[in-house]
Amino acid sequence: MFSFAKIATVATLALGTFVSAVPVQDRTLEARADSVTSILDTLTTTVGPIAAQFSTRVFCTVVMCDSDSVSCLGTLDASNATAAVISPIVSDITSAVSGAVNQIKALPSGTTATDDALTSLSNVLSSILTPAGDVAAISGVSSDAIAAFSPLGNALGDLVNEVLQLVAGILVVLRQTLDTLLNGLVGVIDRLSLSPLLSALGL
């Protein structure tokens, strides 16, 4: 007659056999898939505060205190939206994005990504393009200022291409899914003339 101790031992051995029966390759590919999403989520955390400077550095900082004037603190001012202000921010973002692209490229052959990666990718793009779009929408912003955003096109286009190569599915459908997740930001991409990114999105 089995004792409870023997039953527990048999159950433990059986569970160990079941876990061992899962192919090591499958578990490895699953871990790699998670790593793609992790890289993208980390990138969002990194570039979000940097991209937020597109707005904070273009704030009108002159505060009128007399009763006949209205403070312009907290409004976006075209006179501050210059290439000199925008370019260093763009440089920091493209550096971070390029680093993430290199990390993804360095993943072992056979790595795939789940649909979750598309959501994470859209979060990266939104965190950058939303504040950039706010600046591009300022009345009177110069063409030089808009041109300063152009390096984002190549960097983000490369990122999109790398991720889409790893997500299983029909490319056209994946692009449509990503466009839907971007929820209106396609207009911002066009306004900023980020042609390489438009191309990567199939637009």
Protein backbone atom coordinates (compact mmCIF):
# COMPACT_ATOMS: atom_id res chain seq x y z
CA MET A 1 0.00 0.00 0.00
CA PHE A 2 1.41 3.40 -1.03
CA SER A 3 2.00 5.97 1.66
CA PHE A 4 1.27 9.65 1.08
CA ALA A 5 5.02 10.25 0.94
CA LYS A 6 5.42 7.71 -1.87
CA ILE A 7 2.49 9.22 -3.77
CA ALA A 8 4.03 12.69 -3.50
CA THR A 9 7.36 11.36 -4.73
CA VAL A 10 5.77 9.67 -7.74
CA ALA A 11 3.82 12.86 -8.57
CA THR A 12 6.98 14.94 -8.36
CA LEU A 13 8.85 12.58 -10.65
CA ALA A 14 5.97 12.59 -13.13
CA LEU A 15 5.85 16.38 -13.18
CA GLY A 16 9.58 16.53 -13.73
CA THR A 17 9.26 14.13 -16.64
CA PHE A 18 6.47 16.29 -18.16
CA VAL A 19 8.52 19.48 -17.93
CA SER A 20 11.57 17.74 -19.35
CA ALA A 21 9.44 16.48 -22.23
CA VAL A 22 8.88 20.06 -23.47
CA PRO A 23 11.51 20.52 -26.18
CA VAL A 24 14.37 22.74 -25.08
CA GLN A 25 14.22 24.49 -28.46
CA ASP A 26 10.57 25.49 -27.91
CA ARG A 27 11.35 26.94 -24.49
CA THR A 28 14.35 28.79 -25.95
CA LEU A 29 12.31 30.31 -28.79
CA GLU A 30 9.64 31.41 -26.32
CA ALA A 31 12.29 33.16 -24.23
CA ARG A 32 13.64 34.85 -27.35
CA ALA A 33 10.16 36.05 -28.27
CA ASP A 34 9.77 37.57 -24.82
CA SER A 35 13.13 39.28 -25.24
CA VAL A 36 11.93 41.17 -28.34
CA THR A 37 9.01 42.63 -26.39
CA SER A 38 11.30 43.36 -23.45
CA ILE A 39 13.73 45.29 -25.65
CA LEU A 40 10.87 47.38 -27.05
CA ASP A 41 9.32 48.04 -23.64
CA THR A 42 12.69 49.15 -22.28
CA LEU A 43 13.11 51.43 -25.29
CA THR A 44 9.75 53.08 -24.58
CA THR A 45 10.83 53.73 -21.01
CA THR A 46 14.08 55.25 -22.28
CA VAL A 47 12.84 57.46 -25.12
CA GLY A 48 9.60 58.66 -23.52
CA PRO A 49 11.22 61.25 -21.22
CA ILE A 50 13.63 62.28 -23.98
CA ALA A 51 10.85 62.86 -26.51
CA ALA A 52 8.86 64.78 -23.91
CA GLN A 53 11.54 67.47 -24.23
CA PHE A 54 10.14 68.32 -27.67
CA SER A 55 7.35 70.04 -25.78
CA THR A 56 9.06 71.21 -22.60
CA ARG A 57 11.94 72.92 -24.43
CA VAL A 58 9.57 74.77 -26.74
CA PHE A 59 7.45 76.23 -23.98
CA CYS A 60 7.07 79.99 -23.97
CA THR A 61 8.73 80.92 -20.69
CA VAL A 62 7.82 84.60 -20.52
CA VAL A 63 5.22 85.19 -17.82
CA MET A 64 3.24 88.42 -17.98
CA CYS A 65 2.15 89.49 -14.53
CA ASP A 66 0.14 92.64 -15.16
CA SER A 67 -3.63 92.37 -15.14
CA ASP A 68 -3.97 93.24 -18.83
CA SER A 69 -1.76 90.42 -20.08
CA VAL A 70 -2.14 86.66 -20.13
CA SER A 71 0.70 84.38 -19.15
CA CYS A 72 1.99 82.26 -22.01
CA LEU A 73 3.75 79.81 -19.69
CA GLY A 74 2.86 76.30 -20.82
CA THR A 75 2.09 77.15 -24.43
CA LEU A 76 4.18 76.09 -27.42
CA ASP A 77 6.04 78.89 -29.13
CA ALA A 78 7.26 78.68 -32.75
CA SER A 79 10.17 80.98 -31.96
CA ASN A 80 11.57 78.29 -29.65
CA ALA A 81 10.85 75.43 -32.07
CA THR A 82 14.17 75.62 -33.86
CA ALA A 83 16.49 73.04 -35.36
CA ALA A 84 19.04 73.94 -32.68
CA VAL A 85 16.57 72.89 -29.97
CA ILE A 86 15.16 69.87 -31.79
CA SER A 87 18.33 68.25 -33.21
CA PRO A 88 19.99 67.24 -29.91
CA ILE A 89 16.75 65.61 -28.75
CA VAL A 90 16.42 63.75 -32.04
CA SER A 91 20.04 62.62 -31.74
CA ASP A 92 19.45 61.15 -28.28
CA ILE A 93 16.34 59.32 -29.50
CA THR A 94 17.96 57.91 -32.64
CA SER A 95 20.89 56.69 -30.55
CA ALA A 96 18.57 54.81 -28.21
CA VAL A 97 16.54 53.38 -31.10
CA SER A 98 19.68 52.27 -32.95
CA GLY A 99 20.85 50.53 -29.80
CA ALA A 100 17.57 48.62 -29.60
CA VAL A 101 17.80 47.67 -33.29
CA ASN A 102 21.29 46.28 -32.70
CA GLN A 103 20.00 44.28 -29.72
CA ILE A 104 17.24 42.78 -31.84
CA LYS A 105 19.66 41.98 -34.67
CA ALA A 106 21.93 40.24 -32.16
CA LEU A 107 19.20 37.81 -31.09
CA PRO A 108 19.96 34.21 -32.13
CA SER A 109 18.85 32.93 -35.51
CA GLY A 110 15.34 31.51 -35.39
CA THR A 111 14.04 34.13 -32.98
CA THR A 112 10.40 35.01 -33.49
CA ALA A 113 8.12 37.55 -31.84
CA THR A 114 4.49 37.38 -30.78
CA ASP A 115 1.71 39.85 -31.62
CA ASP A 116 2.50 41.52 -28.30
CA ALA A 117 5.60 42.89 -29.99
CA LEU A 118 3.39 44.97 -32.29
CA THR A 119 1.74 46.60 -29.29
CA SER A 120 5.14 47.29 -27.74
CA LEU A 121 6.38 48.68 -31.06
CA SER A 122 3.38 50.99 -31.34
CA ASN A 123 4.11 52.22 -27.79
CA VAL A 124 7.65 53.12 -28.84
CA LEU A 125 6.42 55.02 -31.89
CA SER A 126 3.65 56.79 -29.98
CA SER A 127 5.98 57.91 -27.19
CA ILE A 128 8.16 59.64 -29.78
CA LEU A 129 5.73 60.80 -32.43
CA THR A 130 3.04 62.28 -30.16
CA PRO A 131 5.24 65.03 -28.64
CA ALA A 132 7.06 65.50 -31.96
CA GLY A 133 3.70 66.00 -33.63
CA ASP A 134 2.77 68.66 -31.09
CA VAL A 135 5.78 70.69 -32.18
CA ALA A 136 5.12 70.11 -35.88
CA ALA A 137 1.58 71.39 -35.41
CA ILE A 138 2.69 74.76 -34.00
CA SER A 139 1.54 77.62 -36.18
CA GLY A 140 4.50 79.23 -37.89
CA VAL A 141 7.01 76.45 -37.22
CA SER A 142 9.86 76.67 -39.74
CA SER A 143 10.76 74.14 -42.42
CA ASP A 144 14.23 73.87 -40.89
CA ALA A 145 12.66 72.79 -37.62
CA ILE A 146 10.62 70.11 -39.39
CA ALA A 147 13.71 68.94 -41.28
CA ALA A 148 15.50 68.42 -37.95
CA PHE A 149 13.15 65.51 -37.26
CA SER A 150 14.22 63.64 -40.41
CA PRO A 151 16.79 61.31 -38.76
CA LEU A 152 13.87 59.77 -36.89
CA GLY A 153 12.59 58.42 -40.19
CA ASN A 154 15.58 56.15 -40.79
CA ALA A 155 15.94 55.05 -37.18
CA LEU A 156 12.27 54.21 -36.65
CA GLY A 157 11.97 52.70 -40.12
CA ASP A 158 14.83 50.31 -39.30
CA LEU A 159 13.16 49.40 -36.01
CA VAL A 160 9.81 48.65 -37.67
CA ASN A 161 11.46 46.52 -40.36
CA GLU A 162 13.43 44.48 -37.83
CA VAL A 163 10.41 43.77 -35.65
CA LEU A 164 8.06 42.93 -38.52
CA GLN A 165 10.58 40.37 -39.79
CA LEU A 166 10.28 38.50 -36.50
CA VAL A 167 6.49 38.49 -36.10
CA ALA A 168 4.85 35.49 -37.74
CA GLY A 169 2.15 36.44 -40.21
CA ILE A 170 1.43 38.09 -43.54
CA LEU A 171 3.42 41.31 -43.82
CA VAL A 172 0.53 43.35 -45.25
CA VAL A 173 -1.74 42.28 -42.38
CA LEU A 174 0.94 43.01 -39.78
CA ARG A 175 1.43 46.49 -41.20
CA GLN A 176 -2.33 47.12 -41.12
CA THR A 177 -2.45 45.98 -37.50
CA LEU A 178 0.40 48.30 -36.58
CA ASP A 179 -1.19 51.23 -38.44
CA THR A 180 -4.39 50.64 -36.47
CA LEU A 181 -2.47 50.57 -33.18
CA LEU A 182 -0.85 53.89 -34.07
CA ASN A 183 -4.33 55.42 -34.02
CA GLY A 184 -3.99 58.53 -36.16
CA LEU A 185 -0.25 59.07 -35.86
CA VAL A 186 0.22 58.33 -39.55
CA GLY A 187 -0.72 61.96 -40.21
CA VAL A 188 2.05 63.08 -37.87
CA ILE A 189 4.57 60.86 -39.66
CA ASP A 190 3.57 62.44 -42.96
CA ARG A 191 3.70 65.97 -41.51
CA LEU A 192 7.23 65.30 -40.25
CA SER A 193 8.20 63.91 -43.67
CA LEU A 194 9.56 60.68 -42.19
CA SER A 195 9.54 58.86 -45.53
CA PRO A 196 11.59 55.79 -44.47
CA LEU A 197 9.12 55.15 -41.65
CA LEU A 198 6.15 55.56 -44.00
CA SER A 199 7.77 53.04 -46.32
CA ALA A 200 8.38 50.57 -43.48
CA LEU A 201 4.70 50.85 -42.57
CA GLY A 202 3.75 50.20 -46.18
CA LEU A 203 2.17 53.64 -46.62
